[in-house]
Amino acid sequence: MTMRLSLSAYKQVQPRVSFQGELSMKPFFRRKDKVVFVLGPTGTGKSRLAIDLATHFPAEVVNCDKMQVYKGLDIVTNKVTEEECRGVPHHLLGIADPDADFTSEDFKHHASLVVESIVTRDRLPIIAGGSNSYVEALANDDPENQAGNWVPELDQFLRNEMTVDARTSRELRDKAIEKIKENTCMLAHRQLQKFKRLHSIWNWKMHRIDATPVFLASGKDADNIWDQIVAGPSTLIVNQFLCDENHVSPVAPSEPVNMVPISVPAMAAVGTR
């Protein structure tokens, strides 16, 4: 179970996205507005990590998960609850109708406005999710890069939810959930391959966070391990990124990382180079 913690310095080069002023969050000094991305396959703890980070910094979370952008289906899509949010503001959760085609271009438009609003209020945007086409739309500023979203496993449930009795609706829902779980394993592998492809194409540097030991433990042990190998190191990475534009200490002895601010079209790439 791995996630990618990606850091990006933003510089406006397109008039559509206008970041006015600097992002000044004491005690951190930064010459450019910055954004943190938390990416990874389904069920790896992206939302939890984003919220943990947002409790350490004046930050707000922006959802970039294709399923969670739609209204309803909170359990199926594993949306964070109000209690789990721990007071951290969240954006782009449940904003689209289930029958709407919310494309990558739609996401880029809404996310651009949200990120601009966050940084102009001197706060840090944390973009969390695993939908690579959404991330690529932000990074590429490519109008041809559009993708609709439909989950075939939910087709029968959504088509019949309002016309069948409660028992049949539950059965259809449960079957859909089981099918989604089966496909999640394959999807996780494909997503990791996509992250590697993004890195090779755009030469992004990403910080790999392995949360596997957390899922192998339980109770307080799992929470302690999470703090030690996920939340703690990630907080350090973000802290260094916000304080120092030119260098980040190694995440681990085998992963030295050099950070240089980048200039990219419109929204900025996920990662640094």
Protein backbone atom coordinates (compact mmCIF):
# COMPACT_ATOMS: atom_id res chain seq x y z
CA MET A 1 0.00 0.00 0.00
CA THR A 2 1.95 3.03 -1.19
CA MET A 3 1.19 6.69 -1.64
CA ARG A 4 3.00 9.50 -3.37
CA LEU A 5 3.54 12.78 -1.58
CA SER A 6 4.27 15.35 -4.26
CA LEU A 7 5.25 18.96 -3.81
CA SER A 8 4.87 21.77 -6.28
CA ALA A 9 5.88 25.41 -6.41
CA TYR A 10 3.35 27.37 -8.42
CA LYS A 11 4.07 30.17 -10.84
CA GLN A 12 1.28 31.72 -12.89
CA VAL A 13 1.87 31.78 -16.63
CA GLN A 14 -1.73 31.74 -17.88
CA PRO A 15 -4.27 34.51 -17.21
CA ARG A 16 -7.02 32.01 -16.35
CA VAL A 17 -5.45 31.25 -12.96
CA SER A 18 -4.33 34.32 -11.07
CA PHE A 19 -2.48 33.93 -7.79
CA GLN A 20 -2.16 37.41 -6.29
CA GLY A 21 0.53 38.02 -3.72
CA GLU A 22 2.53 35.46 -1.81
CA LEU A 23 1.45 32.63 0.45
CA SER A 24 2.74 33.74 3.84
CA MET A 25 2.04 31.31 6.65
CA LYS A 26 4.15 32.04 9.71
CA PRO A 27 6.64 30.73 10.69
CA PHE A 28 7.20 29.56 7.09
CA PHE A 29 8.75 31.88 4.51
CA ARG A 30 8.07 31.11 0.88
CA ARG A 31 8.75 33.08 -2.28
CA LYS A 32 6.08 31.29 -4.31
CA ASP A 33 2.65 29.87 -3.69
CA LYS A 34 2.93 26.14 -3.14
CA VAL A 35 0.66 23.14 -3.25
CA VAL A 36 0.98 19.64 -1.81
CA PHE A 37 -0.43 16.59 -3.62
CA VAL A 38 -1.21 13.29 -1.88
CA LEU A 39 -1.70 10.59 -4.52
CA GLY A 40 -2.14 6.84 -4.41
CA PRO A 41 -4.35 3.83 -5.13
CA THR A 42 -7.69 3.28 -3.47
CA GLY A 43 -7.59 2.48 0.24
CA THR A 44 -4.03 3.57 0.99
CA GLY A 45 -4.93 6.35 3.42
CA LYS A 46 -4.72 9.43 1.20
CA SER A 47 -7.58 11.26 2.91
CA ARG A 48 -6.24 10.44 6.36
CA LEU A 49 -2.77 11.70 5.47
CA ALA A 50 -4.13 14.87 3.88
CA ILE A 51 -6.14 15.62 7.02
CA ASP A 52 -3.17 14.85 9.27
CA LEU A 53 -1.04 17.30 7.28
CA ALA A 54 -3.79 19.92 7.39
CA THR A 55 -3.82 19.74 11.19
CA HIS A 56 -0.11 20.63 11.27
CA PHE A 57 -0.28 23.49 8.76
CA PRO A 58 -2.90 26.16 7.95
CA ALA A 59 -4.27 24.09 5.09
CA GLU A 60 -7.41 22.98 3.25
CA VAL A 61 -8.01 19.75 1.35
CA VAL A 62 -9.10 19.65 -2.30
CA ASN A 63 -10.55 16.34 -3.49
CA CYS A 64 -9.32 14.97 -6.84
CA ASP A 65 -11.02 11.58 -6.66
CA LYS A 66 -13.34 10.94 -9.61
CA MET A 67 -15.90 9.05 -7.57
CA GLN A 68 -16.00 11.32 -4.54
CA VAL A 69 -16.70 14.38 -6.67
CA TYR A 70 -20.24 13.05 -7.17
CA LYS A 71 -23.13 13.47 -4.76
CA GLY A 72 -24.24 10.46 -2.73
CA LEU A 73 -22.61 7.02 -2.60
CA ASP A 74 -20.68 8.11 0.49
CA ILE A 75 -20.08 4.55 1.72
CA VAL A 76 -19.26 3.08 -1.69
CA THR A 77 -16.73 5.83 -2.45
CA ASN A 78 -15.40 5.95 1.13
CA LYS A 79 -15.91 9.67 1.54
CA VAL A 80 -14.57 11.16 4.75
CA THR A 81 -17.20 11.88 7.37
CA GLU A 82 -17.59 15.20 9.15
CA GLU A 83 -15.96 13.67 12.23
CA GLU A 84 -13.02 12.33 10.21
CA CYS A 85 -12.46 15.78 8.68
CA ARG A 86 -11.53 17.04 12.18
CA GLY A 87 -12.51 20.57 11.29
CA VAL A 88 -10.33 20.69 8.16
CA PRO A 89 -12.16 22.41 5.25
CA HIS A 90 -12.72 20.10 2.27
CA HIS A 91 -13.53 21.11 -1.31
CA LEU A 92 -14.97 19.38 -4.41
CA LEU A 93 -16.62 16.60 -2.42
CA GLY A 94 -20.09 15.66 -3.67
CA ILE A 95 -20.52 18.66 -5.97
CA ALA A 96 -21.66 16.89 -9.17
CA ASP A 97 -24.92 15.09 -9.89
CA PRO A 98 -24.48 11.30 -10.31
CA ASP A 99 -25.82 11.43 -13.88
CA ALA A 100 -23.51 14.28 -14.90
CA ASP A 101 -20.35 13.85 -16.97
CA PHE A 102 -17.80 15.66 -14.80
CA THR A 103 -14.79 15.77 -17.13
CA SER A 104 -11.15 16.50 -16.41
CA GLU A 105 -11.68 19.95 -17.89
CA ASP A 106 -14.55 20.52 -15.45
CA PHE A 107 -12.34 19.46 -12.58
CA LYS A 108 -9.50 21.72 -13.70
CA HIS A 109 -11.85 24.70 -13.85
CA HIS A 110 -13.33 24.14 -10.39
CA ALA A 111 -10.02 23.15 -8.80
CA SER A 112 -8.31 26.26 -10.21
CA LEU A 113 -10.89 28.50 -8.54
CA VAL A 114 -10.65 26.62 -5.25
CA VAL A 115 -6.85 26.66 -5.14
CA GLU A 116 -6.79 30.37 -5.96
CA SER A 117 -9.24 31.03 -3.14
CA ILE A 118 -7.17 29.01 -0.67
CA VAL A 119 -3.83 30.66 -1.44
CA THR A 120 -5.29 34.17 -1.43
CA ARG A 121 -6.40 33.45 2.13
CA ASP A 122 -2.80 32.59 3.05
CA ARG A 123 -3.47 28.90 3.39
CA LEU A 124 -1.93 25.77 1.87
CA PRO A 125 -3.91 23.69 -0.66
CA ILE A 126 -3.53 19.93 -0.22
CA ILE A 127 -4.88 18.06 -3.24
CA ALA A 128 -5.72 14.46 -2.39
CA GLY A 129 -6.93 11.60 -4.55
CA GLY A 130 -5.96 9.00 -7.09
CA SER A 131 -7.57 10.09 -10.36
CA ASN A 132 -4.63 10.57 -12.68
CA SER A 133 -6.60 12.18 -15.51
CA TYR A 134 -7.66 14.95 -13.12
CA VAL A 135 -4.07 15.47 -12.01
CA GLU A 136 -2.83 15.46 -15.60
CA ALA A 137 -5.46 18.03 -16.55
CA LEU A 138 -4.15 20.37 -13.86
CA ALA A 139 -0.55 19.80 -14.87
CA ASN A 140 -0.85 19.81 -18.64
CA ASP A 141 -3.32 22.63 -19.24
CA ASP A 142 -4.35 20.54 -22.25
CA PRO A 143 -7.95 21.09 -23.45
CA GLU A 144 -7.80 17.76 -25.29
CA ASN A 145 -7.12 15.92 -22.04
CA GLN A 146 -10.70 15.23 -20.99
CA ALA A 147 -12.19 12.12 -19.49
CA GLY A 148 -15.65 11.32 -18.30
CA ASN A 149 -16.25 9.00 -15.39
CA TRP A 150 -18.56 6.04 -15.14
CA VAL A 151 -18.35 2.98 -12.92
CA PRO A 152 -19.97 0.02 -14.70
CA GLU A 153 -20.20 -1.95 -11.46
CA LEU A 154 -22.75 0.59 -10.22
CA ASP A 155 -24.82 0.63 -13.40
CA GLN A 156 -27.62 -1.71 -12.30
CA PHE A 157 -27.79 -0.20 -8.83
CA LEU A 158 -28.04 3.39 -10.05
CA ARG A 159 -30.51 2.59 -12.82
CA ASN A 160 -32.90 0.74 -10.52
CA GLU A 161 -32.36 2.36 -7.12
CA MET A 162 -35.52 4.49 -7.32
CA THR A 163 -37.79 1.86 -8.90
CA VAL A 164 -37.19 -1.30 -6.85
CA ASP A 165 -38.03 -2.18 -3.27
CA ALA A 166 -35.57 -1.61 -0.43
CA ARG A 167 -34.43 -5.24 -0.27
CA THR A 168 -33.63 -5.44 -3.98
CA SER A 169 -31.88 -2.09 -3.80
CA ARG A 170 -29.65 -3.35 -0.98
CA GLU A 171 -28.84 -6.53 -2.92
CA LEU A 172 -27.88 -4.55 -6.01
CA ARG A 173 -25.78 -2.22 -3.89
CA ASP A 174 -23.98 -5.09 -2.13
CA LYS A 175 -23.21 -6.80 -5.44
CA ALA A 176 -21.82 -3.55 -6.81
CA ILE A 177 -19.63 -3.06 -3.74
CA GLU A 178 -18.20 -6.59 -4.01
CA LYS A 179 -17.42 -6.08 -7.68
CA ILE A 180 -15.72 -2.77 -6.93
CA LYS A 181 -13.57 -4.48 -4.29
CA GLU A 182 -12.51 -7.15 -6.78
CA ASN A 183 -11.48 -4.54 -9.32
CA THR A 184 -9.71 -2.35 -6.76
CA CYS A 185 -6.73 -4.72 -6.59
CA MET A 186 -6.19 -4.48 -10.33
CA LEU A 187 -6.76 -0.73 -10.27
CA ALA A 188 -4.17 -0.21 -7.53
CA HIS A 189 -1.49 -1.88 -9.65
CA ARG A 190 -2.44 0.16 -12.71
CA GLN A 191 -2.39 3.42 -10.77
CA LEU A 192 1.11 2.78 -9.51
CA GLN A 193 2.22 2.13 -13.07
CA LYS A 194 0.62 5.42 -14.14
CA PHE A 195 2.48 7.30 -11.41
CA LYS A 196 5.73 5.85 -12.72
CA ARG A 197 4.77 6.91 -16.24
CA LEU A 198 4.04 10.47 -15.12
CA HIS A 199 7.42 10.56 -13.41
CA SER A 200 9.24 9.32 -16.50
CA ILE A 201 7.43 11.69 -18.88
CA TRP A 202 7.67 14.90 -16.86
CA ASN A 203 10.59 13.99 -14.61
CA TRP A 204 8.65 14.72 -11.44
CA LYS A 205 10.23 13.85 -8.14
CA MET A 206 7.83 12.13 -5.78
CA HIS A 207 8.22 11.05 -2.19
CA ARG A 208 7.12 7.43 -1.82
CA ILE A 209 5.31 6.67 1.44
CA ASP A 210 4.74 2.96 2.15
CA ALA A 211 1.76 2.45 4.48
CA THR A 212 1.69 -1.37 4.23
CA PRO A 213 2.77 -2.00 7.87
CA VAL A 214 -0.17 0.10 9.06
CA PHE A 215 -2.67 -2.22 7.37
CA LEU A 216 -0.94 -5.29 8.78
CA ALA A 217 -1.35 -4.00 12.35
CA SER A 218 -4.45 -3.12 14.37
CA GLY A 219 -5.64 -0.85 17.15
CA LYS A 220 -3.14 1.43 18.85
CA ASP A 221 -0.24 -0.36 17.18
CA ALA A 222 -1.58 0.65 13.77
CA ASP A 223 -2.02 4.25 14.91
CA ASN A 224 1.53 4.37 16.29
CA ILE A 225 2.97 2.89 13.10
CA TRP A 226 0.98 5.40 11.04
CA ASP A 227 2.49 8.27 13.01
CA GLN A 228 6.00 6.84 12.70
CA ILE A 229 6.19 5.89 9.02
CA VAL A 230 3.45 7.94 7.33
CA ALA A 231 2.26 11.07 9.14
CA GLY A 232 5.58 11.93 10.79
CA PRO A 233 7.84 11.70 7.72
CA SER A 234 5.22 13.37 5.51
CA THR A 235 4.89 16.30 7.89
CA LEU A 236 8.66 16.70 7.85
CA ILE A 237 8.72 16.64 4.05
CA VAL A 238 6.07 19.34 3.79
CA ASN A 239 7.70 21.43 6.52
CA GLN A 240 11.02 21.38 4.69
CA PHE A 241 9.32 22.13 1.39
CA LEU A 242 7.61 25.20 2.82
CA CYS A 243 10.73 26.48 4.56
CA ASP A 244 13.36 25.85 1.91
CA GLU A 245 12.82 26.31 -1.83
CA ASN A 246 16.12 24.90 -2.90
CA HIS A 247 16.70 21.71 -0.94
CA VAL A 248 14.90 18.96 0.88
CA SER A 249 16.74 16.50 3.08
CA PRO A 250 16.49 12.82 2.12
CA VAL A 251 13.27 11.08 3.02
CA ALA A 252 15.30 7.95 3.65
CA PRO A 253 18.97 7.07 3.09
CA SER A 254 18.03 5.44 -0.23
CA GLU A 255 15.90 8.36 -1.45
CA PRO A 256 17.85 11.60 -1.75
CA VAL A 257 15.70 14.38 -3.14
CA ASN A 258 16.82 17.69 -4.64
CA MET A 259 14.13 20.29 -4.94
CA VAL A 260 14.18 23.21 -7.36
CA PRO A 261 11.09 25.39 -7.91
CA ILE A 262 9.51 24.90 -11.32
CA SER A 263 7.51 26.98 -13.76
CA VAL A 264 4.68 25.12 -15.48
CA PRO A 265 1.56 25.92 -17.51
CA ALA A 266 -1.39 27.18 -15.50
CA MET A 267 -1.69 24.99 -12.42
CA ALA A 268 1.76 23.37 -12.07
CA ALA A 269 2.94 19.82 -12.27
CA VAL A 270 2.66 17.25 -9.55
CA GLY A 271 6.18 16.94 -8.27
CA THR A 272 9.39 18.89 -8.49
CA ARG A 273 12.45 18.84 -10.59
